[in-house]
């Protein structure tokens, strides 16, 4: 017998490869009690419950059971927000109905398990009615921002306060619902009004600054650390604000992985991951743009899934709302990874020295 030694220069604590990660996927659909398979929006509240706006009604998932929130409305819920009191704002705005007075906003109170209209709930304190609203946005620290038809910007953080009158020249009503977006960041706002490579940075004192960005931001969001992120669908570049109107470019490693544009995305700052869903795959990148995981949910050739929304919960799980229910997806490191060539068999011994070098001993028969 002859012993052959293989020396592997590996440091276990620093090894990262796509093969070391695996996806765990659970689907929630009407078979599990979901009222409708078409999930438009997903939100996690302060108690950890997951709220889903389906094509019929809103549902709350506690990890075991689904509770349906019944509303006597014709329009399906579109967005969900939680305010500082823990109440859930269920928004039925239809963007195509700007001139139509049928705009619905209901408030659900979990403490009383009751739902009332916005106009009734805040009749004595709100300076406007639901039909005066044209946009509603979630802000930091459970604040909610509302823009009314006269271009007034309001903040709700337990009470309603008017922040400013936005100039009408900032708005292109023809393209308002296609392109307009607002995110709040400390003492100012970022506002996107069109498909141009600039944003408006608006201070709460009314000062407005035009900020040139590297590309058109087709979507923008704030991460949990309150940094602004922007995404350009065509170039598949992501931009992260690093201060003073400057942005860091993250070029996604998409060679051979994408064959169409990103549909929805989300940021996980704790793990420094970027989740991106295309029509075919769910891809996970690190903050340098390197692909670390890829999953094909369209495993059934009989139907094609359309992705609608993506949310990362407090435990790092991705919730993907789709046309076929909600998918709960986690990406974890494999417990075991094979670092040896497949031709190496009959391993007899393994030794790790003080420098973390790994020695593998293999016995070979001599004829």
Protein backbone atom coordinates (compact mmCIF):
# COMPACT_ATOMS: atom_id res chain seq x y z
CA UNK A 1 0.00 0.00 0.00
CA UNK A 2 1.17 3.49 -0.75
CA UNK A 3 -0.11 6.66 0.98
CA UNK A 4 -0.56 9.78 -1.17
CA UNK A 5 -0.97 13.18 0.48
CA UNK A 6 -2.94 16.09 -1.01
CA UNK A 7 -2.27 19.53 0.46
CA UNK A 8 -5.20 21.94 0.18
CA UNK A 9 -4.44 25.58 0.84
CA UNK A 10 -7.87 26.47 2.17
CA UNK A 11 -8.97 28.78 4.93
CA UNK A 12 -12.40 27.56 5.94
CA UNK A 13 -13.39 30.84 7.53
CA UNK A 14 -13.01 32.84 4.30
CA UNK A 15 -14.32 30.50 1.63
CA UNK A 16 -17.36 31.84 -0.29
CA UNK A 17 -18.71 30.26 -3.44
CA UNK A 18 -22.09 29.99 -5.11
CA UNK A 19 -22.05 26.23 -4.49
CA UNK A 20 -21.96 26.84 -0.74
CA UNK A 21 -25.45 28.37 -0.75
CA UNK A 22 -28.79 26.69 -1.14
CA UNK A 23 -32.32 28.02 -1.53
CA UNK A 24 -35.18 26.90 0.66
CA UNK A 25 -38.57 27.76 -0.82
CA UNK A 26 -42.10 27.57 0.52
CA UNK A 27 -45.15 28.60 -1.48
CA UNK A 28 -48.31 30.00 0.10
CA UNK A 29 -51.40 29.83 -2.11
CA UNK A 30 -55.15 29.33 -1.94
CA UNK A 31 -54.40 25.74 -0.87
CA UNK A 32 -53.02 27.21 2.36
CA UNK A 33 -55.93 29.59 2.91
CA UNK A 34 -54.75 32.57 0.87
CA UNK A 35 -57.91 34.31 -0.42
CA UNK A 36 -56.41 34.85 -3.88
CA UNK A 37 -53.21 33.73 -5.61
CA UNK A 38 -52.48 37.17 -7.07
CA UNK A 39 -50.33 38.89 -4.42
CA UNK A 40 -49.74 42.56 -5.22
CA UNK A 41 -47.97 43.75 -2.06
CA UNK A 42 -46.27 42.24 1.00
CA UNK A 43 -45.49 44.00 4.29
CA UNK A 44 -44.23 42.97 7.75
CA UNK A 45 -45.64 44.77 10.79
CA UNK A 46 -44.02 45.52 14.14
CA UNK A 47 -45.24 42.21 15.59
CA UNK A 48 -43.65 40.18 12.80
CA UNK A 49 -46.94 39.36 11.05
CA UNK A 50 -46.86 39.30 7.25
CA UNK A 51 -49.60 41.21 5.41
CA UNK A 52 -50.44 40.44 1.79
CA UNK A 53 -52.61 42.50 -0.56
CA UNK A 54 -54.21 40.00 -2.93
CA UNK A 55 -56.39 40.58 -5.96
CA UNK A 56 -59.49 40.25 -3.78
CA UNK A 57 -58.83 41.15 -0.13
CA UNK A 58 -55.99 41.62 2.37
CA UNK A 59 -54.61 38.66 4.34
CA UNK A 60 -52.45 38.42 7.48
CA UNK A 61 -50.11 35.47 8.04
CA UNK A 62 -48.76 34.66 11.52
CA UNK A 63 -46.50 31.82 10.42
CA UNK A 64 -49.20 29.21 10.91
CA UNK A 65 -52.60 30.54 9.83
CA UNK A 66 -53.98 33.12 7.43
CA UNK A 67 -56.53 35.66 8.60
CA UNK A 68 -58.64 37.41 5.97
CA UNK A 69 -59.38 41.12 6.42
CA UNK A 70 -62.78 41.68 4.87
CA UNK A 71 -63.69 44.98 3.23
CA UNK A 72 -66.85 45.77 1.35
CA UNK A 73 -65.02 47.22 -1.65
CA UNK A 74 -65.02 46.60 -5.40
CA UNK A 75 -61.40 47.59 -6.00
CA UNK A 76 -58.65 45.25 -4.75
CA UNK A 77 -56.04 46.51 -2.25
CA UNK A 78 -52.89 47.81 -3.92
CA UNK A 79 -50.49 48.90 -1.16
CA UNK A 80 -50.16 48.34 2.59
CA UNK A 81 -48.60 50.62 5.22
CA UNK A 82 -48.29 50.52 9.01
CA UNK A 83 -48.47 53.77 10.97
CA UNK A 84 -46.97 54.64 14.35
CA UNK A 85 -50.04 53.38 16.18
CA UNK A 86 -49.72 49.94 14.61
CA UNK A 87 -52.75 50.47 12.38
CA UNK A 88 -52.66 49.13 8.83
CA UNK A 89 -53.49 51.48 5.97
CA UNK A 90 -55.05 49.52 3.12
CA UNK A 91 -54.86 51.58 -0.05
CA UNK A 92 -57.20 50.87 -2.97
CA UNK A 93 -56.09 53.80 -5.14
CA UNK A 94 -56.26 53.03 -8.82
CA UNK A 95 -53.63 55.12 -10.61
CA UNK A 96 -55.76 55.34 -13.75
CA UNK A 97 -58.56 57.03 -11.81
CA UNK A 98 -56.98 60.39 -11.09
CA UNK A 99 -60.19 62.27 -11.91
CA UNK A 100 -62.47 59.59 -10.51
CA UNK A 101 -63.72 60.30 -6.97
CA UNK A 102 -63.82 56.58 -6.14
CA UNK A 103 -60.54 56.40 -4.27
CA UNK A 104 -60.59 54.13 -1.24
CA UNK A 105 -58.34 54.09 1.82
CA UNK A 106 -59.31 51.96 4.81
CA UNK A 107 -57.69 51.73 8.24
CA UNK A 108 -57.53 48.38 10.05
CA UNK A 109 -56.97 48.41 13.82
CA UNK A 110 -55.50 45.07 15.01
CA UNK A 111 -56.22 45.89 18.65
CA UNK A 112 -59.97 45.94 18.01
CA UNK A 113 -60.02 43.79 14.86
CA UNK A 114 -62.04 46.51 13.16
CA UNK A 115 -61.79 48.36 9.88
CA UNK A 116 -63.06 51.83 9.05
CA UNK A 117 -62.63 54.25 6.17
CA UNK A 118 -59.91 56.88 6.35
CA UNK A 119 -62.47 59.67 6.17
CA UNK A 120 -64.39 58.27 9.12
CA UNK A 121 -61.34 57.31 11.18
CA UNK A 122 -59.65 60.71 10.88
CA UNK A 123 -62.71 62.86 10.29
CA UNK A 124 -61.83 65.40 13.00
CA UNK A 125 -58.06 65.67 12.46
CA UNK A 126 -57.29 65.11 8.77
CA UNK A 127 -57.14 68.36 6.72
CA UNK A 128 -58.23 66.52 3.57
CA UNK A 129 -60.39 63.62 2.38
CA UNK A 130 -59.47 60.47 0.53
CA UNK A 131 -60.67 61.94 -2.77
CA UNK A 132 -58.13 64.77 -2.35
CA UNK A 133 -55.17 62.35 -2.35
CA UNK A 134 -53.10 61.54 -5.40
CA UNK A 135 -50.20 59.63 -3.81
CA UNK A 136 -49.32 57.89 -0.56
CA UNK A 137 -45.80 56.79 0.46
CA UNK A 138 -44.31 54.92 3.40
CA UNK A 139 -41.52 56.79 5.18
CA UNK A 140 -38.92 56.03 7.82
CA UNK A 141 -39.98 55.32 11.42
CA UNK A 142 -43.53 54.35 10.39
CA UNK A 143 -44.31 57.83 9.04
CA UNK A 144 -46.71 58.13 6.10
CA UNK A 145 -46.51 60.87 3.47
CA UNK A 146 -49.44 62.06 1.37
CA UNK A 147 -49.59 64.34 -1.66
CA UNK A 148 -52.91 65.98 -2.43
CA UNK A 149 -54.30 67.35 -5.68
CA UNK A 150 -53.17 70.89 -4.87
CA UNK A 151 -49.54 69.59 -4.59
CA UNK A 152 -49.47 69.85 -0.81
CA UNK A 153 -47.18 67.40 1.02
CA UNK A 154 -48.40 66.09 4.37
CA UNK A 155 -46.80 63.85 6.98
CA UNK A 156 -48.67 61.57 9.37
CA UNK A 157 -46.79 60.34 12.44
CA UNK A 158 -49.73 60.22 14.84
CA UNK A 159 -50.91 63.67 13.80
CA UNK A 160 -51.19 65.30 10.40
CA UNK A 161 -48.77 68.09 9.59
CA UNK A 162 -48.40 69.99 6.35
CA UNK A 163 -44.76 70.09 5.35
CA UNK A 164 -44.86 72.27 2.23
CA UNK A 165 -46.52 73.19 -1.03
CA UNK A 166 -44.62 71.49 -3.83
CA UNK A 167 -44.23 73.64 -6.98
CA UNK A 168 -46.54 72.65 -9.81
CA UNK A 169 -43.67 72.88 -12.32
CA UNK A 170 -42.17 69.81 -10.66
CA UNK A 171 -45.03 67.64 -11.83
CA UNK A 172 -45.85 66.32 -15.24
CA UNK A 173 -49.40 65.13 -14.66
CA UNK A 174 -49.44 63.25 -17.96
CA UNK A 175 -46.68 60.94 -16.68
CA UNK A 176 -47.28 61.37 -12.95
CA UNK A 177 -48.46 57.88 -12.16
CA UNK A 178 -45.92 56.12 -14.35
CA UNK A 179 -42.79 57.80 -13.02
CA UNK A 180 -43.46 59.67 -9.78
CA UNK A 181 -41.78 58.34 -6.65
CA UNK A 182 -40.90 59.82 -3.28
CA UNK A 183 -38.68 58.59 -0.46
CA UNK A 184 -38.06 60.41 2.82
CA UNK A 185 -34.55 60.67 4.20
CA UNK A 186 -33.94 62.41 7.53
CA UNK A 187 -34.60 66.10 6.90
CA UNK A 188 -35.24 65.95 3.15
CA UNK A 189 -36.98 64.00 0.39
CA UNK A 190 -35.90 62.50 -2.89
CA UNK A 191 -38.52 62.98 -5.59
CA UNK A 192 -38.50 61.44 -9.05
CA UNK A 193 -40.91 62.97 -11.53
CA UNK A 194 -39.93 61.68 -14.98
CA UNK A 195 -37.59 59.44 -16.95
CA UNK A 196 -34.58 61.78 -16.83
CA UNK A 197 -31.23 61.30 -15.09
CA UNK A 198 -31.89 63.70 -12.23
CA UNK A 199 -33.81 63.77 -8.96
CA UNK A 200 -35.21 66.59 -6.85
CA UNK A 201 -33.85 66.79 -3.32
CA UNK A 202 -36.43 68.73 -1.32
CA UNK A 203 -35.75 70.01 2.19
CA UNK A 204 -38.53 70.31 4.74
CA UNK A 205 -37.97 74.08 4.76
CA UNK A 206 -38.95 74.25 1.10
CA UNK A 207 -35.48 74.37 -0.48
CA UNK A 208 -35.28 72.38 -3.73
CA UNK A 209 -32.09 71.10 -5.36
CA UNK A 210 -31.72 69.34 -8.68
CA UNK A 211 -29.30 66.41 -8.33
CA UNK A 212 -27.83 64.75 -11.41
CA UNK A 213 -27.62 60.97 -11.08
CA UNK A 214 -25.49 58.60 -13.22
CA UNK A 215 -28.49 57.10 -15.03
CA UNK A 216 -32.25 57.19 -14.98
CA UNK A 217 -33.48 55.59 -11.77
CA UNK A 218 -36.33 53.36 -12.92
CA UNK A 219 -36.86 52.47 -9.27
CA UNK A 220 -35.46 53.90 -6.08
CA UNK A 221 -35.72 52.96 -2.43
CA UNK A 222 -34.19 53.53 0.98
CA UNK A 223 -32.46 50.71 2.80
CA UNK A 224 -32.81 50.06 6.53
CA UNK A 225 -29.82 52.36 7.14
CA UNK A 226 -31.64 55.18 5.34
CA UNK A 227 -29.32 55.25 2.32
CA UNK A 228 -30.80 55.93 -1.12
CA UNK A 229 -30.53 53.22 -3.80
CA UNK A 230 -31.44 53.51 -7.47
CA UNK A 231 -31.82 50.88 -10.20
CA UNK A 232 -31.61 51.19 -13.97
CA UNK A 233 -33.44 48.29 -15.61
CA UNK A 234 -31.67 48.39 -18.97
CA UNK A 235 -28.04 48.62 -17.81
CA UNK A 236 -28.71 46.45 -14.73
CA UNK A 237 -26.66 48.83 -12.67
CA UNK A 238 -27.52 49.68 -9.09
CA UNK A 239 -26.44 52.90 -7.43
CA UNK A 240 -25.99 53.52 -3.70
CA UNK A 241 -25.76 57.00 -2.25
CA UNK A 242 -22.51 57.62 -0.37
CA UNK A 243 -23.14 61.25 0.55
CA UNK A 244 -23.15 64.77 -0.90
CA UNK A 245 -25.07 63.72 -4.00
CA UNK A 246 -22.44 61.08 -4.89
CA UNK A 247 -23.33 57.52 -5.79
CA UNK A 248 -21.38 54.27 -5.81
CA UNK A 249 -21.97 52.07 -8.87
CA UNK A 250 -22.69 48.36 -8.43
CA UNK A 251 -22.54 46.50 -11.73
CA UNK A 252 -24.39 43.21 -11.34
CA UNK A 253 -22.59 40.09 -12.55
CA UNK A 254 -25.34 39.08 -14.96
CA UNK A 255 -23.38 37.33 -17.71
CA UNK A 256 -25.37 34.26 -18.65
CA UNK A 257 -27.82 34.77 -15.80
CA UNK A 258 -30.33 37.32 -17.07
CA UNK A 259 -32.23 37.24 -20.33
CA UNK A 260 -34.63 40.03 -19.48
CA UNK A 261 -34.95 43.06 -17.21
CA UNK A 262 -35.28 43.18 -13.45
CA UNK A 263 -38.92 43.32 -12.40
CA UNK A 264 -38.62 43.87 -8.66
CA UNK A 265 -35.77 44.05 -6.15
CA UNK A 266 -34.93 44.59 -2.50
CA UNK A 267 -31.92 45.27 -0.27
CA UNK A 268 -30.74 43.25 2.76
CA UNK A 269 -28.20 45.46 4.55
CA UNK A 270 -27.61 43.01 7.40
CA UNK A 271 -26.24 40.35 5.05
CA UNK A 272 -25.21 42.85 2.36
CA UNK A 273 -27.26 41.12 -0.29
CA UNK A 274 -29.22 42.48 -3.25
CA UNK A 275 -32.25 40.41 -4.29
CA UNK A 276 -33.42 40.82 -7.90
CA UNK A 277 -36.31 39.04 -9.60
CA UNK A 278 -36.50 38.77 -13.38
CA UNK A 279 -39.16 37.00 -15.41
CA UNK A 280 -37.22 33.74 -15.13
CA UNK A 281 -35.06 33.78 -12.02
CA UNK A 282 -34.59 35.11 -8.54
CA UNK A 283 -30.96 36.24 -8.25
CA UNK A 284 -29.00 37.22 -5.15
CA UNK A 285 -25.87 39.40 -5.37
CA UNK A 286 -23.47 40.73 -2.79
CA UNK A 287 -22.78 44.46 -2.49
CA UNK A 288 -19.95 44.15 -5.02
CA UNK A 289 -22.34 42.80 -7.65
CA UNK A 290 -21.12 39.19 -7.48
CA UNK A 291 -23.79 36.53 -8.01
CA UNK A 292 -24.02 34.25 -4.97
CA UNK A 293 -27.32 32.51 -5.64
CA UNK A 294 -29.81 31.90 -8.45
CA UNK A 295 -33.18 30.14 -8.28
CA UNK A 296 -35.69 29.26 -11.00
CA UNK A 297 -39.21 29.35 -9.59
CA UNK A 298 -40.72 28.58 -13.00
CA UNK A 299 -40.12 24.86 -12.61
CA UNK A 300 -43.58 23.95 -13.86
CA UNK A 301 -43.69 24.25 -17.67
CA UNK A 302 -47.50 24.47 -17.62
CA UNK A 303 -47.60 28.02 -16.30
CA UNK A 304 -45.45 31.13 -16.16
CA UNK A 305 -45.18 33.07 -12.93
CA UNK A 306 -45.32 36.86 -12.94
CA UNK A 307 -43.49 38.57 -10.07
CA UNK A 308 -45.15 41.60 -8.52
CA UNK A 309 -43.34 42.57 -5.31
CA UNK A 310 -40.34 41.59 -3.19
CA UNK A 311 -39.83 42.19 0.53
CA UNK A 312 -37.10 41.07 2.98
CA UNK A 313 -38.39 40.27 6.47
CA UNK A 314 -36.60 40.70 9.81
CA UNK A 315 -35.15 37.19 9.58
CA UNK A 316 -33.63 37.74 6.14
CA UNK A 317 -36.28 35.73 4.29
CA UNK A 318 -37.42 37.05 0.91
CA UNK A 319 -41.18 37.28 0.35
CA UNK A 320 -41.96 37.26 -3.35
CA UNK A 321 -45.52 38.20 -4.27
CA UNK A 322 -46.55 36.72 -7.59
CA UNK A 323 -49.41 35.65 -9.81
CA UNK A 324 -49.24 32.21 -8.15
CA UNK A 325 -49.26 33.15 -4.49
CA UNK A 326 -46.42 34.20 -2.21
CA UNK A 327 -43.04 32.48 -2.08
CA UNK A 328 -40.99 32.49 1.13
CA UNK A 329 -37.36 32.10 0.11
CA UNK A 330 -34.27 31.78 2.29
CA UNK A 331 -30.68 31.49 1.15
CA UNK A 332 -28.44 29.58 3.53
CA UNK A 333 -24.90 28.30 3.46
CA UNK A 334 -24.58 24.57 2.88
CA UNK A 335 -23.33 22.58 5.84
CA UNK A 336 -21.04 20.51 3.64
CA UNK A 337 -19.05 21.54 0.58
CA UNK A 338 -16.82 19.27 -1.49
CA UNK A 339 -13.44 20.93 -2.12
CA UNK A 340 -11.73 17.84 -3.59
CA UNK A 341 -11.59 16.65 -7.15
CA UNK A 342 -14.18 13.95 -7.84
CA UNK A 343 -11.37 11.59 -8.86
CA UNK A 344 -9.98 11.59 -5.34
CA UNK A 345 -11.57 8.68 -3.48
CA UNK A 346 -10.87 6.42 -0.50
CA UNK A 347 -9.82 9.24 1.83
CA UNK A 348 -8.21 7.78 4.94
CA UNK A 349 -7.27 10.75 7.05
CA UNK A 350 -7.60 14.55 7.30
CA UNK A 351 -5.33 16.83 9.28
CA UNK A 352 -5.46 20.61 9.82
CA UNK A 353 -2.22 22.24 11.01
CA UNK A 354 -1.78 25.41 13.04
CA UNK A 355 -1.73 27.51 9.84
CA UNK A 356 -5.16 26.15 8.81
CA UNK A 357 -3.64 24.14 5.99
CA UNK A 358 -5.67 21.00 5.29
CA UNK A 359 -3.85 17.70 4.61
CA UNK A 360 -5.87 14.86 3.05
CA UNK A 361 -4.39 11.34 3.03
CA UNK A 362 -5.46 8.76 0.47
CA UNK A 363 -4.36 5.08 0.26
CA UNK A 364 -3.60 3.77 -3.23
CA UNK A 365 -3.12 0.10 -4.04
CA UNK A 366 0.06 -0.95 -5.91
CA UNK A 367 -0.21 -3.78 -8.37
